[in-house]
Amino acid sequence: MSSSRLGLCLAVCLLNISEARKKYVVENIAKAAFEKNGQKHPEVSVLNIFSDQDYNRSVITIATSVDKLGSCVLAACLEAFQVIDMEVQGVHPCLGAVDLIPIALSGVGVEE
């Protein structure tokens, strides 16, 4: 598959952050993934936000093309690093403001 074709493939990230109790913080982190300087990017979607109050963890599901995923996830991570208070933790141990960044790709083989 050519690199230009790879860029058109759908990619999804399940961004795991260390905040669930402050809904506005979680929503602002999600918003950072699809909005820059007040401009929304229609090709980027936040499909779901799951928050667990006891664990104080949220998973933000971000979907877009492979080309755009890196910048969207990076923007959300930078927002998380700036706004999450790591002094407030839940029952689940954490590594930092962003704990895990798993990515799933649709229609992409091992070669790519």
PDB file of N, CA and C in Angstrom:
ATOM      1  N   MET A   1       0.855  -1.184   0.000  1.00  0.00           N
ATOM      2  CA  MET A   1       0.000   0.000   0.000  1.00  0.00           C
ATOM      3  C   MET A   1       0.889   1.231   0.000  1.00  0.00           C
ATOM      4  N   SER A   2       0.609   2.172  -0.856  1.00  0.00           N
ATOM      5  CA  SER A   2       1.416   3.387  -0.933  1.00  0.00           C
ATOM      6  C   SER A   2       1.156   4.269   0.273  1.00  0.00           C
ATOM      7  N   SER A   3       2.109   5.142   0.567  1.00  0.00           N
ATOM      8  CA  SER A   3       1.963   6.017   1.737  1.00  0.00           C
ATOM      9  C   SER A   3       0.778   6.959   1.584  1.00  0.00           C
ATOM     10  N   SER A   4       0.460   7.387   0.347  1.00  0.00           N
ATOM     11  CA  SER A   4      -0.702   8.264   0.157  1.00  0.00           C
ATOM     12  C   SER A   4      -1.986   7.496   0.430  1.00  0.00           C
ATOM     13  N   ARG A   5      -2.046   6.233   0.073  1.00  0.00           N
ATOM     14  CA  ARG A   5      -3.216   5.385   0.347  1.00  0.00           C
ATOM     15  C   ARG A   5      -3.332   5.127   1.846  1.00  0.00           C
ATOM     16  N   LEU A   6      -2.214   4.932   2.507  1.00  0.00           N
ATOM     17  CA  LEU A   6      -2.205   4.690   3.948  1.00  0.00           C
ATOM     18  C   LEU A   6      -2.815   5.870   4.698  1.00  0.00           C
ATOM     19  N   GLY A   7      -2.552   7.080   4.237  1.00  0.00           N
ATOM     20  CA  GLY A   7      -3.088   8.273   4.882  1.00  0.00           C
ATOM     21  C   GLY A   7      -4.590   8.359   4.848  1.00  0.00           C
ATOM     22  N   LEU A   8      -5.215   7.667   3.891  1.00  0.00           N
ATOM     23  CA  LEU A   8      -6.669   7.692   3.777  1.00  0.00           C
ATOM     24  C   LEU A   8      -7.344   6.669   4.681  1.00  0.00           C
ATOM     25  N   CYS A   9      -6.589   5.771   5.289  1.00  0.00           N
ATOM     26  CA  CYS A   9      -7.158   4.743   6.163  1.00  0.00           C
ATOM     27  C   CYS A   9      -7.648   5.352   7.472  1.00  0.00           C
ATOM     28  N   LEU A  10      -8.687   4.740   8.008  1.00  0.00           N
ATOM     29  CA  LEU A  10      -9.243   5.187   9.278  1.00  0.00           C
ATOM     30  C   LEU A  10      -8.372   4.718  10.433  1.00  0.00           C
ATOM     31  N   ALA A  11      -8.150   5.591  11.383  1.00  0.00           N
ATOM     32  CA  ALA A  11      -7.381   5.262  12.582  1.00  0.00           C
ATOM     33  C   ALA A  11      -8.177   5.711  13.797  1.00  0.00           C
ATOM     34  N   VAL A  12      -8.083   4.932  14.865  1.00  0.00           N
ATOM     35  CA  VAL A  12      -8.791   5.241  16.105  1.00  0.00           C
ATOM     36  C   VAL A  12      -7.804   5.147  17.255  1.00  0.00           C
ATOM     37  N   CYS A  13      -7.874   6.108  18.158  1.00  0.00           N
ATOM     38  CA  CYS A  13      -7.037   6.106  19.358  1.00  0.00           C
ATOM     39  C   CYS A  13      -7.950   6.096  20.575  1.00  0.00           C
ATOM     40  N   LEU A  14      -7.629   5.243  21.536  1.00  0.00           N
ATOM     41  CA  LEU A  14      -8.350   5.175  22.806  1.00  0.00           C
ATOM     42  C   LEU A  14      -7.465   5.821  23.879  1.00  0.00           C
ATOM     43  N   LEU A  15      -7.458   7.125  23.899  1.00  0.00           N
ATOM     44  CA  LEU A  15      -6.579   7.899  24.771  1.00  0.00           C
ATOM     45  C   LEU A  15      -7.016   7.752  26.232  1.00  0.00           C
ATOM     46  N   ASN A  16      -6.141   7.213  27.077  1.00  0.00           N
ATOM     47  CA  ASN A  16      -6.422   7.006  28.499  1.00  0.00           C
ATOM     48  C   ASN A  16      -5.797   8.134  29.315  1.00  0.00           C
ATOM     49  N   ILE A  17      -6.636   8.886  30.013  1.00  0.00           N
ATOM     50  CA  ILE A  17      -6.137  10.005  30.816  1.00  0.00           C
ATOM     51  C   ILE A  17      -6.493   9.811  32.285  1.00  0.00           C
ATOM     52  N   SER A  18      -5.743  10.454  33.152  1.00  0.00           N
ATOM     53  CA  SER A  18      -5.911  10.324  34.593  1.00  0.00           C
ATOM     54  C   SER A  18      -6.819  11.401  35.166  1.00  0.00           C
ATOM     55  N   GLU A  19      -8.034  11.472  34.650  1.00  0.00           N
ATOM     56  CA  GLU A  19      -9.050  12.411  35.155  1.00  0.00           C
ATOM     57  C   GLU A  19     -10.427  11.908  34.762  1.00  0.00           C
ATOM     58  N   ALA A  20     -11.358  11.919  35.708  1.00  0.00           N
ATOM     59  CA  ALA A  20     -12.749  11.551  35.419  1.00  0.00           C
ATOM     60  C   ALA A  20     -13.711  12.355  36.271  1.00  0.00           C
ATOM     61  N   ARG A  21     -13.229  12.904  37.345  1.00  0.00           N
ATOM     62  CA  ARG A  21     -14.117  13.571  38.302  1.00  0.00           C
ATOM     63  C   ARG A  21     -14.460  14.998  37.907  1.00  0.00           C
ATOM     64  N   LYS A  22     -13.633  15.612  37.084  1.00  0.00           N
ATOM     65  CA  LYS A  22     -13.893  16.973  36.603  1.00  0.00           C
ATOM     66  C   LYS A  22     -14.279  16.878  35.135  1.00  0.00           C
ATOM     67  N   LYS A  23     -15.587  16.833  34.891  1.00  0.00           N
ATOM     68  CA  LYS A  23     -16.100  16.629  33.535  1.00  0.00           C
ATOM     69  C   LYS A  23     -15.606  17.691  32.560  1.00  0.00           C
ATOM     70  N   TYR A  24     -15.546  18.942  32.996  1.00  0.00           N
ATOM     71  CA  TYR A  24     -15.110  20.021  32.107  1.00  0.00           C
ATOM     72  C   TYR A  24     -13.659  19.831  31.675  1.00  0.00           C
ATOM     73  N   VAL A  25     -12.821  19.278  32.538  1.00  0.00           N
ATOM     74  CA  VAL A  25     -11.423  19.025  32.186  1.00  0.00           C
ATOM     75  C   VAL A  25     -11.352  17.946  31.104  1.00  0.00           C
ATOM     76  N   VAL A  26     -12.093  16.860  31.299  1.00  0.00           N
ATOM     77  CA  VAL A  26     -12.113  15.767  30.330  1.00  0.00           C
ATOM     78  C   VAL A  26     -12.645  16.272  28.986  1.00  0.00           C
ATOM     79  N   GLU A  27     -13.710  17.052  29.023  1.00  0.00           N
ATOM     80  CA  GLU A  27     -14.288  17.580  27.779  1.00  0.00           C
ATOM     81  C   GLU A  27     -13.329  18.526  27.060  1.00  0.00           C
ATOM     82  N   ASN A  28     -12.581  19.331  27.804  1.00  0.00           N
ATOM     83  CA  ASN A  28     -11.609  20.233  27.177  1.00  0.00           C
ATOM     84  C   ASN A  28     -10.459  19.464  26.533  1.00  0.00           C
ATOM     85  N   ILE A  29     -10.065  18.355  27.140  1.00  0.00           N
ATOM     86  CA  ILE A  29      -9.015  17.518  26.559  1.00  0.00           C
ATOM     87  C   ILE A  29      -9.528  16.894  25.263  1.00  0.00           C
ATOM     88  N   ALA A  30     -10.749  16.399  25.280  1.00  0.00           N
ATOM     89  CA  ALA A  30     -11.353  15.832  24.075  1.00  0.00           C
ATOM     90  C   ALA A  30     -11.491  16.897  22.994  1.00  0.00           C
ATOM     91  N   LYS A  31     -11.907  18.080  23.391  1.00  0.00           N
ATOM     92  CA  LYS A  31     -12.089  19.187  22.445  1.00  0.00           C
ATOM     93  C   LYS A  31     -10.773  19.559  21.761  1.00  0.00           C
ATOM     94  N   ALA A  32      -9.668  19.453  22.490  1.00  0.00           N
ATOM     95  CA  ALA A  32      -8.354  19.784  21.929  1.00  0.00           C
ATOM     96  C   ALA A  32      -8.000  18.873  20.754  1.00  0.00           C
ATOM     97  N   ALA A  33      -8.577  17.670  20.726  1.00  0.00           N
ATOM     98  CA  ALA A  33      -8.284  16.726  19.641  1.00  0.00           C
ATOM     99  C   ALA A  33      -8.906  17.148  18.321  1.00  0.00           C
ATOM    100  N   PHE A  34     -10.026  17.853  18.351  1.00  0.00           N
ATOM    101  CA  PHE A  34     -10.695  18.185  17.094  1.00  0.00           C
ATOM    102  C   PHE A  34     -10.912  19.676  16.865  1.00  0.00           C
ATOM    103  N   GLU A  35     -10.281  20.501  17.685  1.00  0.00           N
ATOM    104  CA  GLU A  35     -10.454  21.939  17.523  1.00  0.00           C
ATOM    105  C   GLU A  35      -9.130  22.640  17.790  1.00  0.00           C
ATOM    106  N   LYS A  36      -8.808  23.609  16.929  1.00  0.00           N
ATOM    107  CA  LYS A  36      -7.588  24.396  17.118  1.00  0.00           C
ATOM    108  C   LYS A  36      -7.920  25.855  16.873  1.00  0.00           C
ATOM    109  N   ASN A  37      -7.588  26.695  17.838  1.00  0.00           N
ATOM    110  CA  ASN A  37      -7.877  28.136  17.744  1.00  0.00           C
ATOM    111  C   ASN A  37      -9.354  28.406  17.442  1.00  0.00           C
ATOM    112  N   GLY A  38     -10.224  27.612  18.044  1.00  0.00           N
ATOM    113  CA  GLY A  38     -11.657  27.804  17.854  1.00  0.00           C
ATOM    114  C   GLY A  38     -12.208  27.240  16.558  1.00  0.00           C
ATOM    115  N   GLN A  39     -11.352  26.675  15.722  1.00  0.00           N
ATOM    116  CA  GLN A  39     -11.776  26.095  14.440  1.00  0.00           C
ATOM    117  C   GLN A  39     -11.912  24.579  14.586  1.00  0.00           C
ATOM    118  N   LYS A  40     -13.094  24.050  14.303  1.00  0.00           N
ATOM    119  CA  LYS A  40     -13.304  22.606  14.356  1.00  0.00           C
ATOM    120  C   LYS A  40     -12.829  21.961  13.066  1.00  0.00           C
ATOM    121  N   HIS A  41     -12.259  20.779  13.212  1.00  0.00           N
ATOM    122  CA  HIS A  41     -11.810  19.998  12.059  1.00  0.00           C
ATOM    123  C   HIS A  41     -12.849  18.917  11.808  1.00  0.00           C
ATOM    124  N   PRO A  42     -13.646  19.041  10.740  1.00  0.00           N
ATOM    125  CA  PRO A  42     -14.731  18.087  10.504  1.00  0.00           C
ATOM    126  C   PRO A  42     -14.258  16.665  10.230  1.00  0.00           C
ATOM    127  N   GLU A  43     -12.997  16.502   9.849  1.00  0.00           N
ATOM    128  CA  GLU A  43     -12.497  15.165   9.557  1.00  0.00           C
ATOM    129  C   GLU A  43     -12.029  14.412  10.808  1.00  0.00           C
ATOM    130  N   VAL A  44     -12.161  15.034  11.974  1.00  0.00           N
ATOM    131  CA  VAL A  44     -11.775  14.414  13.243  1.00  0.00           C
ATOM    132  C   VAL A  44     -13.018  14.284  14.113  1.00  0.00           C
ATOM    133  N   SER A  45     -13.194  13.109  14.714  1.00  0.00           N
ATOM    134  CA  SER A  45     -14.364  12.891  15.579  1.00  0.00           C
ATOM    135  C   SER A  45     -13.947  12.303  16.914  1.00  0.00           C
ATOM    136  N   VAL A  46     -14.576  12.781  17.968  1.00  0.00           N
ATOM    137  CA  VAL A  46     -14.480  12.129  19.267  1.00  0.00           C
ATOM    138  C   VAL A  46     -15.729  11.259  19.344  1.00  0.00           C
ATOM    139  N   LEU A  47     -15.536   9.951  19.265  1.00  0.00           N
ATOM    140  CA  LEU A  47     -16.664   9.027  19.190  1.00  0.00           C
ATOM    141  C   LEU A  47     -17.283   8.740  20.546  1.00  0.00           C
ATOM    142  N   ASN A  48     -16.474   8.759  21.586  1.00  0.00           N
ATOM    143  CA  ASN A  48     -16.972   8.379  22.900  1.00  0.00           C
ATOM    144  C   ASN A  48     -16.027   8.896  23.979  1.00  0.00           C
ATOM    145  N   ILE A  49     -16.606   9.169  25.142  1.00  0.00           N
ATOM    146  CA  ILE A  49     -15.816   9.457  26.332  1.00  0.00           C
ATOM    147  C   ILE A  49     -16.376   8.579  27.438  1.00  0.00           C
ATOM    148  N   PHE A  50     -15.546   7.689  27.966  1.00  0.00           N
ATOM    149  CA  PHE A  50     -15.941   6.843  29.080  1.00  0.00           C
ATOM    150  C   PHE A  50     -15.144   7.281  30.299  1.00  0.00           C
ATOM    151  N   SER A  51     -15.836   7.579  31.392  1.00  0.00           N
ATOM    152  CA  SER A  51     -15.165   8.019  32.620  1.00  0.00           C
ATOM    153  C   SER A  51     -15.545   7.115  33.780  1.00  0.00           C
ATOM    154  N   ASP A  52     -14.554   6.746  34.583  1.00  0.00           N
ATOM    155  CA  ASP A  52     -14.765   5.949  35.790  1.00  0.00           C
ATOM    156  C   ASP A  52     -14.356   6.801  36.986  1.00  0.00           C
ATOM    157  N   GLN A  53     -15.330   7.215  37.775  1.00  0.00           N
ATOM    158  CA  GLN A  53     -15.100   8.117  38.908  1.00  0.00           C
ATOM    159  C   GLN A  53     -14.172   7.509  39.958  1.00  0.00           C
ATOM    160  N   ASP A  54     -14.358   6.231  40.299  1.00  0.00           N
ATOM    161  CA  ASP A  54     -13.532   5.596  41.330  1.00  0.00           C
ATOM    162  C   ASP A  54     -12.069   5.500  40.909  1.00  0.00           C
ATOM    163  N   TYR A  55     -11.841   5.088  39.684  1.00  0.00           N
ATOM    164  CA  TYR A  55     -10.470   4.986  39.172  1.00  0.00           C
ATOM    165  C   TYR A  55      -9.900   6.346  38.810  1.00  0.00           C
ATOM    166  N   ASN A  56     -10.760   7.344  38.667  1.00  0.00           N
ATOM    167  CA  ASN A  56     -10.382   8.684  38.201  1.00  0.00           C
ATOM    168  C   ASN A  56      -9.651   8.591  36.868  1.00  0.00           C
ATOM    169  N   ARG A  57     -10.257   7.837  35.944  1.00  0.00           N
ATOM    170  CA  ARG A  57      -9.708   7.597  34.605  1.00  0.00           C
ATOM    171  C   ARG A  57     -10.788   7.834  33.568  1.00  0.00           C
ATOM    172  N   SER A  58     -10.389   8.353  32.430  1.00  0.00           N
ATOM    173  CA  SER A  58     -11.284   8.484  31.284  1.00  0.00           C
ATOM    174  C   SER A  58     -10.590   7.944  30.051  1.00  0.00           C
ATOM    175  N   VAL A  59     -11.387   7.402  29.148  1.00  0.00           N
ATOM    176  CA  VAL A  59     -10.900   6.954  27.851  1.00  0.00           C
ATOM    177  C   VAL A  59     -11.641   7.771  26.798  1.00  0.00           C
ATOM    178  N   ILE A  60     -10.875   8.495  25.997  1.00  0.00           N
ATOM    179  CA  ILE A  60     -11.430   9.335  24.935  1.00  0.00           C
ATOM    180  C   ILE A  60     -11.133   8.642  23.605  1.00  0.00           C
ATOM    181  N   THR A  61     -12.184   8.302  22.859  1.00  0.00           N
ATOM    182  CA  THR A  61     -12.029   7.617  21.580  1.00  0.00           C
ATOM    183  C   THR A  61     -12.022   8.646  20.457  1.00  0.00           C
ATOM    184  N   ILE A  62     -10.876   8.764  19.791  1.00  0.00           N
ATOM    185  CA  ILE A  62     -10.666   9.745  18.721  1.00  0.00           C
ATOM    186  C   ILE A  62     -10.515   8.996  17.402  1.00  0.00           C
ATOM    187  N   ALA A  63     -11.276   9.403  16.379  1.00  0.00           N
ATOM    188  CA  ALA A  63     -11.199   8.751  15.071  1.00  0.00           C
ATOM    189  C   ALA A  63     -10.919   9.786  13.987  1.00  0.00           C
ATOM    190  N   THR A  64     -10.024   9.435  13.082  1.00  0.00           N
ATOM    191  CA  THR A  64      -9.688  10.286  11.931  1.00  0.00           C
ATOM    192  C   THR A  64      -8.819   9.475  10.979  1.00  0.00           C
ATOM    193  N   SER A  65      -8.278  10.125   9.966  1.00  0.00           N
ATOM    194  CA  SER A  65      -7.368   9.435   9.051  1.00  0.00           C
ATOM    195  C   SER A  65      -6.009   9.258   9.721  1.00  0.00           C
ATOM    196  N   VAL A  66      -5.245   8.308   9.198  1.00  0.00           N
ATOM    197  CA  VAL A  66      -3.899   8.056   9.731  1.00  0.00           C
ATOM    198  C   VAL A  66      -3.073   9.340   9.688  1.00  0.00           C
ATOM    199  N   ASP A  67      -3.215  10.134   8.626  1.00  0.00           N
ATOM    200  CA  ASP A  67      -2.461  11.382   8.465  1.00  0.00           C
ATOM    201  C   ASP A  67      -2.671  12.350   9.620  1.00  0.00           C
ATOM    202  N   LYS A  68      -3.889  12.442  10.087  1.00  0.00           N
ATOM    203  CA  LYS A  68      -4.243  13.464  11.070  1.00  0.00           C
ATOM    204  C   LYS A  68      -4.193  12.975  12.516  1.00  0.00           C
ATOM    205  N   LEU A  69      -4.157  11.666  12.724  1.00  0.00           N
ATOM    206  CA  LEU A  69      -4.269  11.127  14.082  1.00  0.00           C
ATOM    207  C   LEU A  69      -3.167  11.630  15.011  1.00  0.00           C
ATOM    208  N   GLY A  70      -1.938  11.646  14.540  1.00  0.00           N
ATOM    209  CA  GLY A  70      -0.822  12.053  15.389  1.00  0.00           C
ATOM    210  C   GLY A  70      -0.987  13.447  15.953  1.00  0.00           C
ATOM    211  N   SER A  71      -1.330  14.400  15.110  1.00  0.00           N
ATOM    212  CA  SER A  71      -1.471  15.784  15.580  1.00  0.00           C
ATOM    213  C   SER A  71      -2.677  15.940  16.515  1.00  0.00           C
ATOM    214  N   CYS A  72      -3.742  15.204  16.244  1.00  0.00           N
ATOM    215  CA  CYS A  72      -4.937  15.281  17.103  1.00  0.00           C
ATOM    216  C   CYS A  72      -4.653  14.719  18.494  1.00  0.00           C
ATOM    217  N   VAL A  73      -4.019  13.568  18.523  1.00  0.00           N
ATOM    218  CA  VAL A  73      -3.690  12.934  19.806  1.00  0.00           C
ATOM    219  C   VAL A  73      -2.673  13.779  20.561  1.00  0.00           C
ATOM    220  N   LEU A  74      -1.692  14.307  19.859  1.00  0.00           N
ATOM    221  CA  LEU A  74      -0.695  15.163  20.506  1.00  0.00           C
ATOM    222  C   LEU A  74      -1.345  16.396  21.131  1.00  0.00           C
ATOM    223  N   ALA A  75      -2.276  17.018  20.426  1.00  0.00           N
ATOM    224  CA  ALA A  75      -2.970  18.195  20.959  1.00  0.00           C
ATOM    225  C   ALA A  75      -3.741  17.839  22.239  1.00  0.00           C
ATOM    226  N   ALA A  76      -4.414  16.686  22.231  1.00  0.00           N
ATOM    227  CA  ALA A  76      -5.152  16.245  23.419  1.00  0.00           C
ATOM    228  C   ALA A  76      -4.193  15.941  24.575  1.00  0.00           C
ATOM    229  N   CYS A  77      -3.072  15.310  24.263  1.00  0.00           N
ATOM    230  CA  CYS A  77      -2.078  14.993  25.303  1.00  0.00           C
ATOM    231  C   CYS A  77      -1.490  16.265  25.919  1.00  0.00           C
ATOM    232  N   LEU A  78      -1.159  17.241  25.084  1.00  0.00           N
ATOM    233  CA  LEU A  78      -0.616  18.502  25.601  1.00  0.00           C
ATOM    234  C   LEU A  78      -1.614  19.191  26.528  1.00  0.00           C
ATOM    235  N   GLU A  79      -2.885  19.171  26.143  1.00  0.00           N
ATOM    236  CA  GLU A  79      -3.924  19.741  27.002  1.00  0.00           C
ATOM    237  C   GLU A  79      -3.999  18.971  28.321  1.00  0.00           C
ATOM    238  N   ALA A  80      -3.937  17.653  28.253  1.00  0.00           N
ATOM    239  CA  ALA A  80      -3.985  16.822  29.462  1.00  0.00           C
ATOM    240  C   ALA A  80      -2.820  17.137  30.393  1.00  0.00           C
ATOM    241  N   PHE A  81      -1.629  17.255  29.837  1.00  0.00           N
ATOM    242  CA  PHE A  81      -0.446  17.552  30.653  1.00  0.00           C
ATOM    243  C   PHE A  81      -0.572  18.894  31.357  1.00  0.00           C
ATOM    244  N   GLN A  82      -1.243  19.839  30.721  1.00  0.00           N
ATOM    245  CA  GLN A  82      -1.380  21.184  31.291  1.00  0.00           C
ATOM    246  C   GLN A  82      -2.460  21.279  32.359  1.00  0.00           C
ATOM    247  N   VAL A  83      -3.534  20.489  32.239  1.00  0.00           N
ATOM    248  CA  VAL A  83      -4.697  20.722  33.108  1.00  0.00           C
ATOM    249  C   VAL A  83      -4.976  19.645  34.154  1.00  0.00           C
ATOM    250  N   ILE A  84      -4.388  18.471  34.030  1.00  0.00           N
ATOM    251  CA  ILE A  84      -4.678  17.412  34.997  1.00  0.00           C
ATOM    252  C   ILE A  84      -3.819  17.571  36.242  1.00  0.00           C
ATOM    253  N   ASP A  85      -4.480  17.559  37.391  1.00  0.00           N
ATOM    254  CA  ASP A  85      -3.816  17.653  38.696  1.00  0.00           C
ATOM    255  C   ASP A  85      -3.438  16.247  39.147  1.00  0.00           C
ATOM    256  N   MET A  86      -2.162  15.924  39.109  1.00  0.00           N
ATOM    257  CA  MET A  86      -1.713  14.579  39.455  1.00  0.00           C
ATOM    258  C   MET A  86      -1.687  14.324  40.961  1.00  0.00           C
ATOM    259  N   GLU A  87      -1.997  15.318  41.758  1.00  0.00           N
ATOM    260  CA  GLU A  87      -2.103  15.121  43.202  1.00  0.00           C
ATOM    261  C   GLU A  87      -3.393  14.387  43.563  1.00  0.00           C
ATOM    262  N   VAL A  88      -4.392  14.445  42.681  1.00  0.00           N
ATOM    263  CA  VAL A  88      -5.687  13.803  42.913  1.00  0.00           C
ATOM    264  C   VAL A  88      -5.703  12.501  42.135  1.00  0.00           C
ATOM    265  N   GLN A  89      -5.664  11.373  42.852  1.00  0.00           N
ATOM    266  CA  GLN A  89      -5.641  10.086  42.181  1.00  0.00           C
ATOM    267  C   GLN A  89      -6.806   9.226  42.632  1.00  0.00           C
ATOM    268  N   GLY A  90      -7.103   8.219  41.835  1.00  0.00           N
ATOM    269  CA  GLY A  90      -8.144   7.261  42.156  1.00  0.00           C
ATOM    270  C   GLY A  90      -7.527   5.982  42.690  1.00  0.00           C
ATOM    271  N   VAL A  91      -8.324   4.915  42.733  1.00  0.00           N
ATOM    272  CA  VAL A  91      -7.840   3.646  43.265  1.00  0.00           C
ATOM    273  C   VAL A  91      -6.918   2.918  42.290  1.00  0.00           C
ATOM    274  N   HIS A  92      -6.922   3.317  41.037  1.00  0.00           N
ATOM    275  CA  HIS A  92      -6.082   2.688  40.018  1.00  0.00           C
ATOM    276  C   HIS A  92      -4.750   3.426  39.947  1.00  0.00           C
ATOM    277  N   PRO A  93      -3.621   2.707  40.005  1.00  0.00           N
ATOM    278  CA  PRO A  93      -2.328   3.405  39.882  1.00  0.00           C
ATOM    279  C   PRO A  93      -2.180   4.013  38.495  1.00  0.00           C
ATOM    280  N   CYS A  94      -1.451   5.110  38.422  1.00  0.00           N
ATOM    281  CA  CYS A  94      -1.275   5.761  37.121  1.00  0.00           C
ATOM    282  C   CYS A  94       0.184   6.129  36.908  1.00  0.00           C
ATOM    283  N   LEU A  95       0.537   6.300  35.660  1.00  0.00           N
ATOM    284  CA  LEU A  95       1.893   6.680  35.290  1.00  0.00           C
ATOM    285  C   LEU A  95       2.034   8.186  35.125  1.00  0.00           C
ATOM    286  N   GLY A  96       0.944   8.837  34.743  1.00  0.00           N
ATOM    287  CA  GLY A  96       0.983  10.266  34.506  1.00  0.00           C
ATOM    288  C   GLY A  96      -0.369  10.765  34.037  1.00  0.00           C
ATOM    289  N   ALA A  97      -0.408  11.992  33.568  1.00  0.00           N
ATOM    290  CA  ALA A  97      -1.660  12.580  33.089  1.00  0.00           C
ATOM    291  C   ALA A  97      -2.229  11.764  31.932  1.00  0.00           C
ATOM    292  N   VAL A  98      -1.353  11.243  31.087  1.00  0.00           N
ATOM    293  CA  VAL A  98      -1.743  10.345  30.003  1.00  0.00           C
ATOM    294  C   VAL A  98      -1.051   9.020  30.276  1.00  0.00           C
ATOM    295  N   ASP A  99      -1.846   7.972  30.432  1.00  0.00           N
ATOM    296  CA  ASP A  99      -1.279   6.662  30.781  1.00  0.00           C
ATOM    297  C   ASP A  99      -1.040   5.747  29.593  1.00  0.00           C
ATOM    298  N   LEU A 100      -1.932   5.809  28.618  1.00  0.00           N
ATOM    299  CA  LEU A 100      -1.892   4.828  27.545  1.00  0.00           C
ATOM    300  C   LEU A 100      -2.450   5.453  26.272  1.00  0.00           C
ATOM    301  N   ILE A 101      -1.830   5.131  25.133  1.00  0.00           N
ATOM    302  CA  ILE A 101      -2.280   5.680  23.849  1.00  0.00           C
ATOM    303  C   ILE A 101      -2.365   4.538  22.831  1.00  0.00           C
ATOM    304  N   PRO A 102      -3.329   3.619  22.999  1.00  0.00           N
ATOM    305  CA  PRO A 102      -3.462   2.539  22.015  1.00  0.00           C
ATOM    306  C   PRO A 102      -4.103   3.059  20.726  1.00  0.00           C
ATOM    307  N   ILE A 103      -3.626   2.545  19.604  1.00  0.00           N
ATOM    308  CA  ILE A 103      -4.115   2.983  18.292  1.00  0.00           C
ATOM    309  C   ILE A 103      -4.519   1.749  17.482  1.00  0.00           C
ATOM    310  N   ALA A 104      -5.700   1.819  16.858  1.00  0.00           N
ATOM    311  CA  ALA A 104      -6.178   0.760  15.969  1.00  0.00           C
ATOM    312  C   ALA A 104      -6.297   1.345  14.572  1.00  0.00           C
ATOM    313  N   LEU A 105      -5.845   0.562  13.591  1.00  0.00           N
ATOM    314  CA  LEU A 105      -5.899   0.996  12.192  1.00  0.00           C
ATOM    315  C   LEU A 105      -6.805   0.055  11.415  1.00  0.00           C
ATOM    316  N   SER A 106      -7.624   0.608  10.541  1.00  0.00           N
ATOM    317  CA  SER A 106      -8.537  -0.190   9.723  1.00  0.00           C
ATOM    318  C   SER A 106      -7.942  -0.375   8.325  1.00  0.00           C
ATOM    319  N   GLY A 107      -7.903  -1.604   7.867  1.00  0.00           N
ATOM    320  CA  GLY A 107      -7.447  -1.875   6.504  1.00  0.00           C
ATOM    321  C   GLY A 107      -5.960  -1.731   6.303  1.00  0.00           C
ATOM    322  N   VAL A 108      -5.184  -1.847   7.363  1.00  0.00           N
ATOM    323  CA  VAL A 108      -3.727  -1.710   7.272  1.00  0.00           C
ATOM    324  C   VAL A 108      -3.105  -3.034   7.671  1.00  0.00           C
ATOM    325  N   GLY A 109      -2.254  -3.560   6.793  1.00  0.00           N
ATOM    326  CA  GLY A 109      -1.589  -4.824   7.069  1.00  0.00           C
ATOM    327  C   GLY A 109      -0.293  -4.623   7.838  1.00  0.00           C
ATOM    328  N   VAL A 110       0.324  -5.719   8.202  1.00  0.00           N
ATOM    329  CA  VAL A 110       1.577  -5.699   8.971  1.00  0.00           C
ATOM    330  C   VAL A 110       2.677  -4.966   8.201  1.00  0.00           C
ATOM    331  N   GLU A 111       2.674  -5.091   6.861  1.00  0.00           N
ATOM    332  CA  GLU A 111       3.711  -4.452   6.045  1.00  0.00           C
ATOM    333  C   GLU A 111       3.743  -2.949   6.238  1.00  0.00           C
ATOM    334  N   GLU A 112       2.571  -2.332   6.353  1.00  0.00           N
ATOM    335  CA  GLU A 112       2.502  -0.871   6.499  1.00  0.00           C
ATOM    336  C   GLU A 112       2.846  -0.458   7.905  1.00  0.00           C
TER     337      GLU A 112
END
